[in-house]
PDB file of N, CA and C in Angstrom:
ATOM      1  N   MET A   1       1.033  -1.192   0.272  1.00  0.00           N
ATOM      2  CA  MET A   1      -0.321   0.141  -0.234  1.00  0.00           C
ATOM      3  C   MET A   1       1.449   1.283  -0.474  1.00  0.00           C
ATOM      4  N   ASN A   2       0.511   1.922  -0.817  1.00  0.00           N
ATOM      5  CA  ASN A   2       1.680   3.563  -1.031  1.00  0.00           C
ATOM      6  C   ASN A   2       0.845   4.316   0.219  1.00  0.00           C
ATOM      7  N   LYS A   3       1.445   5.581   0.801  1.00  0.00           N
ATOM      8  CA  LYS A   3       1.361   5.984   1.710  1.00  0.00           C
ATOM      9  C   LYS A   3       0.056   7.237   1.837  1.00  0.00           C
ATOM     10  N   LYS A   4      -0.506   7.601   0.665  1.00  0.00           N
ATOM     11  CA  LYS A   4      -1.604   8.130   0.832  1.00  0.00           C
ATOM     12  C   LYS A   4      -2.532   7.088   0.835  1.00  0.00           C
ATOM     13  N   THR A   5      -2.727   5.818   0.689  1.00  0.00           N
ATOM     14  CA  THR A   5      -3.422   4.565   1.105  1.00  0.00           C
ATOM     15  C   THR A   5      -3.761   4.556   2.810  1.00  0.00           C
ATOM     16  N   ILE A   6      -2.163   4.601   3.198  1.00  0.00           N
ATOM     17  CA  ILE A   6      -1.862   4.755   4.686  1.00  0.00           C
ATOM     18  C   ILE A   6      -2.824   5.305   6.233  1.00  0.00           C
ATOM     19  N   ILE A   7      -2.593   6.737   5.344  1.00  0.00           N
ATOM     20  CA  ILE A   7      -3.025   7.780   5.833  1.00  0.00           C
ATOM     21  C   ILE A   7      -4.198   7.933   6.063  1.00  0.00           C
ATOM     22  N   GLY A   8      -4.928   7.357   4.889  1.00  0.00           N
ATOM     23  CA  GLY A   8      -6.657   7.990   4.072  1.00  0.00           C
ATOM     24  C   GLY A   8      -6.738   6.908   5.227  1.00  0.00           C
ATOM     25  N   PHE A   9      -6.617   5.757   5.606  1.00  0.00           N
ATOM     26  CA  PHE A   9      -6.771   4.742   6.023  1.00  0.00           C
ATOM     27  C   PHE A   9      -7.046   4.914   7.741  1.00  0.00           C
ATOM     28  N   ALA A  10      -6.402   5.730   8.176  1.00  0.00           N
ATOM     29  CA  ALA A  10      -5.686   5.943   9.390  1.00  0.00           C
ATOM     30  C   ALA A  10      -6.673   7.224   9.555  1.00  0.00           C
ATOM     31  N   ILE A  11      -7.215   7.834   8.913  1.00  0.00           N
ATOM     32  CA  ILE A  11      -7.828   9.220   9.136  1.00  0.00           C
ATOM     33  C   ILE A  11      -9.297   9.173   9.515  1.00  0.00           C
ATOM     34  N   SER A  12      -9.426   7.986   8.243  1.00  0.00           N
ATOM     35  CA  SER A  12     -10.926   7.299   8.885  1.00  0.00           C
ATOM     36  C   SER A  12     -10.937   6.599  10.137  1.00  0.00           C
ATOM     37  N   VAL A  13     -10.258   5.579  10.166  1.00  0.00           N
ATOM     38  CA  VAL A  13     -10.219   4.916  11.735  1.00  0.00           C
ATOM     39  C   VAL A  13     -10.144   6.476  12.428  1.00  0.00           C
ATOM     40  N   ILE A  14     -10.111   6.902  13.234  1.00  0.00           N
ATOM     41  CA  ILE A  14      -9.770   8.000  13.319  1.00  0.00           C
ATOM     42  C   ILE A  14     -11.055   8.836  13.624  1.00  0.00           C
ATOM     43  N   PHE A  15     -12.295   9.090  13.336  1.00  0.00           N
ATOM     44  CA  PHE A  15     -12.762   9.691  12.712  1.00  0.00           C
ATOM     45  C   PHE A  15     -14.440   8.926  13.024  1.00  0.00           C
ATOM     46  N   LEU A  16     -14.340   7.938  12.352  1.00  0.00           N
ATOM     47  CA  LEU A  16     -14.757   6.457  13.352  1.00  0.00           C
ATOM     48  C   LEU A  16     -14.632   6.642  14.566  1.00  0.00           C
ATOM     49  N   PHE A  17     -13.491   6.812  15.196  1.00  0.00           N
ATOM     50  CA  PHE A  17     -13.352   6.628  16.534  1.00  0.00           C
ATOM     51  C   PHE A  17     -14.406   6.948  17.449  1.00  0.00           C
ATOM     52  N   PHE A  18     -14.251   9.018  16.873  1.00  0.00           N
ATOM     53  CA  PHE A  18     -14.972   9.962  17.360  1.00  0.00           C
ATOM     54  C   PHE A  18     -16.437   9.595  17.426  1.00  0.00           C
ATOM     55  N   ALA A  19     -16.573   9.615  16.115  1.00  0.00           N
ATOM     56  CA  ALA A  19     -17.710   9.125  15.825  1.00  0.00           C
ATOM     57  C   ALA A  19     -18.683   8.414  17.227  1.00  0.00           C
ATOM     58  N   LEU A  20     -18.093   7.424  17.505  1.00  0.00           N
ATOM     59  CA  LEU A  20     -18.971   5.779  17.823  1.00  0.00           C
ATOM     60  C   LEU A  20     -18.342   5.654  19.110  1.00  0.00           C
ATOM     61  N   ARG A  21     -17.819   6.743  19.575  1.00  0.00           N
ATOM     62  CA  ARG A  21     -17.149   6.629  20.896  1.00  0.00           C
ATOM     63  C   ARG A  21     -18.318   6.312  21.900  1.00  0.00           C
ATOM     64  N   GLY A  22     -19.360   7.654  21.727  1.00  0.00           N
ATOM     65  CA  GLY A  22     -20.092   7.041  22.815  1.00  0.00           C
ATOM     66  C   GLY A  22     -21.677   6.507  23.344  1.00  0.00           C
ATOM     67  N   ILE A  23     -21.296   5.613  21.678  1.00  0.00           N
ATOM     68  CA  ILE A  23     -22.755   5.108  21.536  1.00  0.00           C
ATOM     69  C   ILE A  23     -22.488   3.311  22.438  1.00  0.00           C
ATOM     70  N   ASP A  24     -24.368   3.753  22.974  1.00  0.00           N
ATOM     71  CA  ASP A  24     -24.716   2.457  24.650  1.00  0.00           C
ATOM     72  C   ASP A  24     -24.663   1.150  23.277  1.00  0.00           C
ATOM     73  N   TRP A  25     -23.736   0.551  23.537  1.00  0.00           N
ATOM     74  CA  TRP A  25     -23.765  -0.422  21.808  1.00  0.00           C
ATOM     75  C   TRP A  25     -24.863  -1.589  22.375  1.00  0.00           C
ATOM     76  N   LYS A  26     -24.637  -2.040  23.859  1.00  0.00           N
ATOM     77  CA  LYS A  26     -26.249  -3.273  24.436  1.00  0.00           C
ATOM     78  C   LYS A  26     -27.609  -2.371  23.695  1.00  0.00           C
ATOM     79  N   LEU A  27     -27.324  -0.918  23.383  1.00  0.00           N
ATOM     80  CA  LEU A  27     -28.970  -0.505  23.650  1.00  0.00           C
ATOM     81  C   LEU A  27     -28.958  -0.695  21.724  1.00  0.00           C
ATOM     82  N   VAL A  28     -28.717  -0.484  21.331  1.00  0.00           N
ATOM     83  CA  VAL A  28     -28.422  -0.330  20.064  1.00  0.00           C
ATOM     84  C   VAL A  28     -28.504  -1.547  19.377  1.00  0.00           C
ATOM     85  N   PHE A  29     -27.873  -2.522  20.313  1.00  0.00           N
ATOM     86  CA  PHE A  29     -28.514  -4.070  19.778  1.00  0.00           C
ATOM     87  C   PHE A  29     -29.731  -4.855  20.375  1.00  0.00           C
ATOM     88  N   GLU A  30     -30.450  -3.970  21.645  1.00  0.00           N
ATOM     89  CA  GLU A  30     -31.834  -4.447  21.795  1.00  0.00           C
ATOM     90  C   GLU A  30     -32.804  -4.257  20.718  1.00  0.00           C
ATOM     91  N   SER A  31     -32.573  -2.604  19.898  1.00  0.00           N
ATOM     92  CA  SER A  31     -33.064  -1.958  18.756  1.00  0.00           C
ATOM     93  C   SER A  31     -33.007  -3.070  17.877  1.00  0.00           C
ATOM     94  N   LEU A  32     -32.330  -3.228  17.694  1.00  0.00           N
ATOM     95  CA  LEU A  32     -31.521  -4.596  16.238  1.00  0.00           C
ATOM     96  C   LEU A  32     -32.516  -5.302  16.559  1.00  0.00           C
ATOM     97  N   LYS A  33     -32.061  -6.108  17.887  1.00  0.00           N
ATOM     98  CA  LYS A  33     -33.727  -7.140  18.136  1.00  0.00           C
ATOM     99  C   LYS A  33     -35.508  -6.756  17.620  1.00  0.00           C
ATOM    100  N   GLN A  34     -35.546  -5.522  17.551  1.00  0.00           N
ATOM    101  CA  GLN A  34     -37.369  -5.531  17.909  1.00  0.00           C
ATOM    102  C   GLN A  34     -37.409  -5.847  16.490  1.00  0.00           C
ATOM    103  N   ILE A  35     -36.621  -4.833  15.570  1.00  0.00           N
ATOM    104  CA  ILE A  35     -36.845  -4.813  14.089  1.00  0.00           C
ATOM    105  C   ILE A  35     -37.731  -6.008  13.068  1.00  0.00           C
ATOM    106  N   LYS A  36     -39.187  -4.821  12.913  1.00  0.00           N
ATOM    107  CA  LYS A  36     -39.897  -6.691  12.081  1.00  0.00           C
ATOM    108  C   LYS A  36     -39.575  -6.616  10.443  1.00  0.00           C
ATOM    109  N   ILE A  37     -38.701  -8.003  10.870  1.00  0.00           N
ATOM    110  CA  ILE A  37     -38.337  -8.914   9.382  1.00  0.00           C
ATOM    111  C   ILE A  37     -39.170  -8.355   8.526  1.00  0.00           C
ATOM    112  N   VAL A  38     -41.050  -8.385   8.365  1.00  0.00           N
ATOM    113  CA  VAL A  38     -42.047  -8.077   7.577  1.00  0.00           C
ATOM    114  C   VAL A  38     -41.755  -6.453   7.021  1.00  0.00           C
ATOM    115  N   TYR A  39     -41.096  -5.626   7.011  1.00  0.00           N
ATOM    116  CA  TYR A  39     -41.144  -4.340   7.133  1.00  0.00           C
ATOM    117  C   TYR A  39     -39.790  -4.434   6.182  1.00  0.00           C
ATOM    118  N   LEU A  40     -38.940  -4.943   6.355  1.00  0.00           N
ATOM    119  CA  LEU A  40     -37.242  -5.311   6.064  1.00  0.00           C
ATOM    120  C   LEU A  40     -37.724  -5.510   4.765  1.00  0.00           C
ATOM    121  N   ILE A  41     -38.353  -6.276   4.171  1.00  0.00           N
ATOM    122  CA  ILE A  41     -38.359  -7.116   2.326  1.00  0.00           C
ATOM    123  C   ILE A  41     -38.763  -6.633   1.400  1.00  0.00           C
ATOM    124  N   PRO A  42     -39.646  -6.011   1.240  1.00  0.00           N
ATOM    125  CA  PRO A  42     -40.309  -5.026   0.984  1.00  0.00           C
ATOM    126  C   PRO A  42     -40.008  -4.014   0.505  1.00  0.00           C
ATOM    127  N   ILE A  43     -38.624  -2.872   1.845  1.00  0.00           N
ATOM    128  CA  ILE A  43     -37.764  -2.154   1.666  1.00  0.00           C
ATOM    129  C   ILE A  43     -36.608  -2.614   0.349  1.00  0.00           C
ATOM    130  N   PHE A  44     -36.303  -3.541   0.842  1.00  0.00           N
ATOM    131  CA  PHE A  44     -34.650  -4.257  -0.115  1.00  0.00           C
ATOM    132  C   PHE A  44     -35.384  -4.651  -1.204  1.00  0.00           C
ATOM    133  N   LEU A  45     -37.637  -5.186  -1.585  1.00  0.00           N
ATOM    134  CA  LEU A  45     -37.312  -5.073  -3.234  1.00  0.00           C
ATOM    135  C   LEU A  45     -37.098  -3.879  -3.676  1.00  0.00           C
ATOM    136  N   ILE A  46     -37.331  -2.866  -2.284  1.00  0.00           N
ATOM    137  CA  ILE A  46     -37.021  -1.462  -3.991  1.00  0.00           C
ATOM    138  C   ILE A  46     -36.348  -1.005  -4.484  1.00  0.00           C
ATOM    139  N   TYR A  47     -35.321  -1.457  -3.163  1.00  0.00           N
ATOM    140  CA  TYR A  47     -33.746  -1.327  -3.128  1.00  0.00           C
ATOM    141  C   TYR A  47     -32.938  -1.884  -4.790  1.00  0.00           C
ATOM    142  N   MET A  48     -33.676  -2.780  -4.927  1.00  0.00           N
ATOM    143  CA  MET A  48     -32.535  -3.900  -5.597  1.00  0.00           C
ATOM    144  C   MET A  48     -33.786  -3.562  -7.057  1.00  0.00           C
ATOM    145  N   ILE A  49     -35.117  -3.163  -7.103  1.00  0.00           N
ATOM    146  CA  ILE A  49     -35.329  -2.448  -8.747  1.00  0.00           C
ATOM    147  C   ILE A  49     -34.848  -1.351  -8.710  1.00  0.00           C
ATOM    148  N   SER A  50     -34.645  -0.502  -7.741  1.00  0.00           N
ATOM    149  CA  SER A  50     -34.262   1.048  -8.111  1.00  0.00           C
ATOM    150  C   SER A  50     -32.963   0.571  -8.457  1.00  0.00           C
ATOM    151  N   TYR A  51     -31.898  -0.359  -8.261  1.00  0.00           N
ATOM    152  CA  TYR A  51     -30.755  -0.571  -8.573  1.00  0.00           C
ATOM    153  C   TYR A  51     -30.740  -0.741  -9.888  1.00  0.00           C
ATOM    154  N   ALA A  52     -31.335  -1.888 -10.398  1.00  0.00           N
ATOM    155  CA  ALA A  52     -31.517  -2.732 -11.019  1.00  0.00           C
ATOM    156  C   ALA A  52     -31.768  -1.123 -12.543  1.00  0.00           C
ATOM    157  N   VAL A  53     -32.512  -0.139 -12.186  1.00  0.00           N
ATOM    158  CA  VAL A  53     -32.898   0.315 -12.770  1.00  0.00           C
ATOM    159  C   VAL A  53     -32.047   1.661 -13.716  1.00  0.00           C
ATOM    160  N   ARG A  54     -31.510   1.970 -11.915  1.00  0.00           N
ATOM    161  CA  ARG A  54     -29.858   2.370 -13.105  1.00  0.00           C
ATOM    162  C   ARG A  54     -29.480   1.922 -13.557  1.00  0.00           C
TER     163      ARG A  54
END
């Protein structure tokens, strides 16, 4: 890898750390457990159709 790629990766990791440091991951995973799959299926299908149309 060249120097530019390594610097870009390091900057991304630093900003990702700052963005995610105050998150309560237990609460995030509890919220994700409550997702209803019934709503995700049409959303996924619409996304795939719009991707194919593009």
